Amino acid sequence: SITKTVDKVSCGALKYCTLTKTNNLNRLIISLKENNVFIVGMDCSANDDIYNTNFKEYNKIAIIVGCEKKGIKFLTKKLCDKLLKIIINKKTDSLNVSVALGVSLFEIIRQIRT
């Protein structure tokens, strides 16, 4: 749930976000796809990386990130339109989930604005 603490730590960004609470992520993904939302799954074992993906061609984008250590579940990965990874260096193959989401959002917004 969105509490006063969550609102406070968002530093005002919460009012610009669309949030959805669901009991079944896969059904939500199917519903988003029916509404022309491009579903990106962030996965460190993906073949493609976020920096070489052109996000300007999509009007609406949803980013799926998995829990730390286990990542995105198999069926959820299959529902994604594209699986992408963040390339850092050869020694680091994954990031904390909040950092991965932040990097992903930054790259998508950077591309759309340029």
C-alpha atoms as a PDB file:
ATOM      1  CA  SER A   1       0.000   0.000   0.000  1.00  0.00           C
ATOM      2  CA  ILE A   2       1.040   3.588  -0.548  1.00  0.00           C
ATOM      3  CA  THR A   3       1.676   5.071   2.873  1.00  0.00           C
ATOM      4  CA  LYS A   4       2.692   8.582   3.920  1.00  0.00           C
ATOM      5  CA  THR A   5       6.265   7.310   4.178  1.00  0.00           C
ATOM      6  CA  VAL A   6       6.208   5.998   0.612  1.00  0.00           C
ATOM      7  CA  ASP A   7       4.834   9.327  -0.568  1.00  0.00           C
ATOM      8  CA  LYS A   8       7.514  11.226   1.357  1.00  0.00           C
ATOM      9  CA  VAL A   9      10.485   9.206   0.080  1.00  0.00           C
ATOM     10  CA  SER A  10       9.245   9.576  -3.493  1.00  0.00           C
ATOM     11  CA  CYS A  11      10.079  13.292  -3.151  1.00  0.00           C
ATOM     12  CA  GLY A  12       6.925  14.255  -5.055  1.00  0.00           C
ATOM     13  CA  ALA A  13       7.450  11.863  -7.975  1.00  0.00           C
ATOM     14  CA  LEU A  14       4.569   9.658  -6.843  1.00  0.00           C
ATOM     15  CA  LYS A  15       1.980  12.106  -8.163  1.00  0.00           C
ATOM     16  CA  TYR A  16       3.401  11.624 -11.682  1.00  0.00           C
ATOM     17  CA  CYS A  17       3.302   7.812 -11.598  1.00  0.00           C
ATOM     18  CA  THR A  18       0.524   5.432 -12.483  1.00  0.00           C
ATOM     19  CA  LEU A  19       0.451   2.715  -9.858  1.00  0.00           C
ATOM     20  CA  THR A  20      -1.494  -0.507 -10.053  1.00  0.00           C
ATOM     21  CA  LYS A  21      -1.946  -3.093  -7.334  1.00  0.00           C
ATOM     22  CA  THR A  22      -2.528  -6.634  -8.544  1.00  0.00           C
ATOM     23  CA  ASN A  23      -2.787 -10.117  -7.144  1.00  0.00           C
ATOM     24  CA  ASN A  24      -1.716 -11.668 -10.456  1.00  0.00           C
ATOM     25  CA  LEU A  25       1.140 -10.017 -12.353  1.00  0.00           C
ATOM     26  CA  ASN A  26       0.764 -12.224 -15.429  1.00  0.00           C
ATOM     27  CA  ARG A  27      -2.903 -11.263 -15.881  1.00  0.00           C
ATOM     28  CA  LEU A  28      -1.924  -7.609 -15.493  1.00  0.00           C
ATOM     29  CA  ILE A  29       0.764  -7.996 -18.187  1.00  0.00           C
ATOM     30  CA  ILE A  30      -1.776  -9.566 -20.563  1.00  0.00           C
ATOM     31  CA  SER A  31      -4.168  -6.679 -19.899  1.00  0.00           C
ATOM     32  CA  LEU A  32      -1.428  -4.094 -20.488  1.00  0.00           C
ATOM     33  CA  LYS A  33      -0.456  -5.765 -23.771  1.00  0.00           C
ATOM     34  CA  GLU A  34      -4.111  -5.647 -24.885  1.00  0.00           C
ATOM     35  CA  ASN A  35      -3.836  -1.885 -24.351  1.00  0.00           C
ATOM     36  CA  ASN A  36      -0.705  -1.579 -26.515  1.00  0.00           C
ATOM     37  CA  VAL A  37       1.784  -1.311 -23.666  1.00  0.00           C
ATOM     38  CA  PHE A  38       5.249  -2.625 -24.561  1.00  0.00           C
ATOM     39  CA  ILE A  39       6.444  -4.917 -21.772  1.00  0.00           C
ATOM     40  CA  VAL A  40      10.160  -4.887 -20.967  1.00  0.00           C
ATOM     41  CA  GLY A  41      11.544  -7.485 -18.570  1.00  0.00           C
ATOM     42  CA  MET A  42      14.871  -6.658 -16.962  1.00  0.00           C
ATOM     43  CA  ASP A  43      16.927  -9.847 -16.719  1.00  0.00           C
ATOM     44  CA  CYS A  44      20.706 -10.197 -16.384  1.00  0.00           C
ATOM     45  CA  SER A  45      20.699 -13.299 -18.645  1.00  0.00           C
ATOM     46  CA  ALA A  46      18.961 -11.500 -21.559  1.00  0.00           C
ATOM     47  CA  ASN A  47      20.631 -11.432 -24.975  1.00  0.00           C
ATOM     48  CA  ASP A  48      19.876  -7.766 -25.662  1.00  0.00           C
ATOM     49  CA  ASP A  49      20.843  -4.755 -23.580  1.00  0.00           C
ATOM     50  CA  ILE A  50      18.883  -1.664 -22.668  1.00  0.00           C
ATOM     51  CA  TYR A  51      21.334   0.717 -24.360  1.00  0.00           C
ATOM     52  CA  ASN A  52      20.845  -0.789 -27.834  1.00  0.00           C
ATOM     53  CA  THR A  53      17.060  -0.824 -27.743  1.00  0.00           C
ATOM     54  CA  ASN A  54      15.151   2.007 -29.419  1.00  0.00           C
ATOM     55  CA  PHE A  55      12.402   3.030 -26.990  1.00  0.00           C
ATOM     56  CA  LYS A  56      11.213   5.953 -29.130  1.00  0.00           C
ATOM     57  CA  GLU A  57       9.105   3.580 -31.224  1.00  0.00           C
ATOM     58  CA  TYR A  58       6.845   2.676 -28.284  1.00  0.00           C
ATOM     59  CA  ASN A  59       4.098   4.948 -26.947  1.00  0.00           C
ATOM     60  CA  LYS A  60       3.624   3.143 -23.649  1.00  0.00           C
ATOM     61  CA  ILE A  61       6.205   1.053 -21.797  1.00  0.00           C
ATOM     62  CA  ALA A  62       6.013  -1.053 -18.644  1.00  0.00           C
ATOM     63  CA  ILE A  63       9.149  -2.342 -16.932  1.00  0.00           C
ATOM     64  CA  ILE A  64       9.118  -5.639 -15.072  1.00  0.00           C
ATOM     65  CA  VAL A  65      11.870  -6.254 -12.528  1.00  0.00           C
ATOM     66  CA  GLY A  66      12.182  -9.409 -10.488  1.00  0.00           C
ATOM     67  CA  CYS A  67      13.075  -9.971  -6.910  1.00  0.00           C
ATOM     68  CA  GLU A  68      16.740  -9.935  -6.019  1.00  0.00           C
ATOM     69  CA  LYS A  69      18.545 -13.284  -6.439  1.00  0.00           C
ATOM     70  CA  LYS A  70      15.640 -15.080  -8.199  1.00  0.00           C
ATOM     71  CA  GLY A  71      14.745 -12.475 -10.820  1.00  0.00           C
ATOM     72  CA  ILE A  72      11.596 -12.639 -12.936  1.00  0.00           C
ATOM     73  CA  LYS A  73       9.593 -15.863 -12.897  1.00  0.00           C
ATOM     74  CA  PHE A  74       9.710 -18.064 -16.011  1.00  0.00           C
ATOM     75  CA  LEU A  75       6.107 -17.502 -17.173  1.00  0.00           C
ATOM     76  CA  THR A  76       6.381 -13.761 -16.580  1.00  0.00           C
ATOM     77  CA  LYS A  77       9.539 -13.680 -18.739  1.00  0.00           C
ATOM     78  CA  LYS A  78       7.647 -15.435 -21.534  1.00  0.00           C
ATOM     79  CA  LEU A  79       4.939 -12.753 -21.432  1.00  0.00           C
ATOM     80  CA  CYS A  80       7.428  -9.896 -21.836  1.00  0.00           C
ATOM     81  CA  ASP A  81       7.788  -8.388 -25.305  1.00  0.00           C
ATOM     82  CA  LYS A  82      11.514  -8.015 -24.763  1.00  0.00           C
ATOM     83  CA  LEU A  83      14.024  -9.112 -22.143  1.00  0.00           C
ATOM     84  CA  LEU A  84      16.901  -6.708 -21.600  1.00  0.00           C
ATOM     85  CA  LYS A  85      19.970  -6.497 -19.427  1.00  0.00           C
ATOM     86  CA  ILE A  86      22.057  -3.642 -18.104  1.00  0.00           C
ATOM     87  CA  ILE A  87      25.697  -3.991 -19.085  1.00  0.00           C
ATOM     88  CA  ILE A  88      28.032  -2.717 -16.398  1.00  0.00           C
ATOM     89  CA  ASN A  89      31.266  -4.673 -16.542  1.00  0.00           C
ATOM     90  CA  LYS A  90      32.452  -8.285 -16.761  1.00  0.00           C
ATOM     91  CA  LYS A  91      32.654  -8.748 -12.983  1.00  0.00           C
ATOM     92  CA  THR A  92      29.165  -7.446 -12.137  1.00  0.00           C
ATOM     93  CA  ASP A  93      26.249  -9.186 -13.809  1.00  0.00           C
ATOM     94  CA  SER A  94      23.366  -7.874 -11.711  1.00  0.00           C
ATOM     95  CA  LEU A  95      22.258  -4.918  -9.626  1.00  0.00           C
ATOM     96  CA  ASN A  96      20.042  -4.296  -6.641  1.00  0.00           C
ATOM     97  CA  VAL A  97      16.454  -4.256  -7.964  1.00  0.00           C
ATOM     98  CA  SER A  98      15.871  -0.585  -7.086  1.00  0.00           C
ATOM     99  CA  VAL A  99      19.110   0.423  -8.807  1.00  0.00           C
ATOM    100  CA  ALA A 100      18.267  -1.669 -11.889  1.00  0.00           C
ATOM    101  CA  LEU A 101      14.871   0.004 -12.124  1.00  0.00           C
ATOM    102  CA  GLY A 102      16.441   3.451 -11.721  1.00  0.00           C
ATOM    103  CA  VAL A 103      19.004   2.787 -14.460  1.00  0.00           C
ATOM    104  CA  SER A 104      16.271   1.409 -16.722  1.00  0.00           C
ATOM    105  CA  LEU A 105      13.997   4.403 -16.214  1.00  0.00           C
ATOM    106  CA  PHE A 106      16.890   6.801 -16.768  1.00  0.00           C
ATOM    107  CA  GLU A 107      17.896   5.153 -20.067  1.00  0.00           C
ATOM    108  CA  ILE A 108      14.340   5.045 -21.401  1.00  0.00           C
ATOM    109  CA  ILE A 109      13.706   8.703 -20.519  1.00  0.00           C
ATOM    110  CA  ARG A 110      17.123   9.728 -21.894  1.00  0.00           C
ATOM    111  CA  GLN A 111      16.316   8.116 -25.248  1.00  0.00           C
ATOM    112  CA  ILE A 112      12.815   9.547 -25.476  1.00  0.00           C
ATOM    113  CA  ARG A 113      14.012  13.090 -24.719  1.00  0.00           C
ATOM    114  CA  THR A 114      16.858  13.117 -27.263  1.00  0.00           C
END
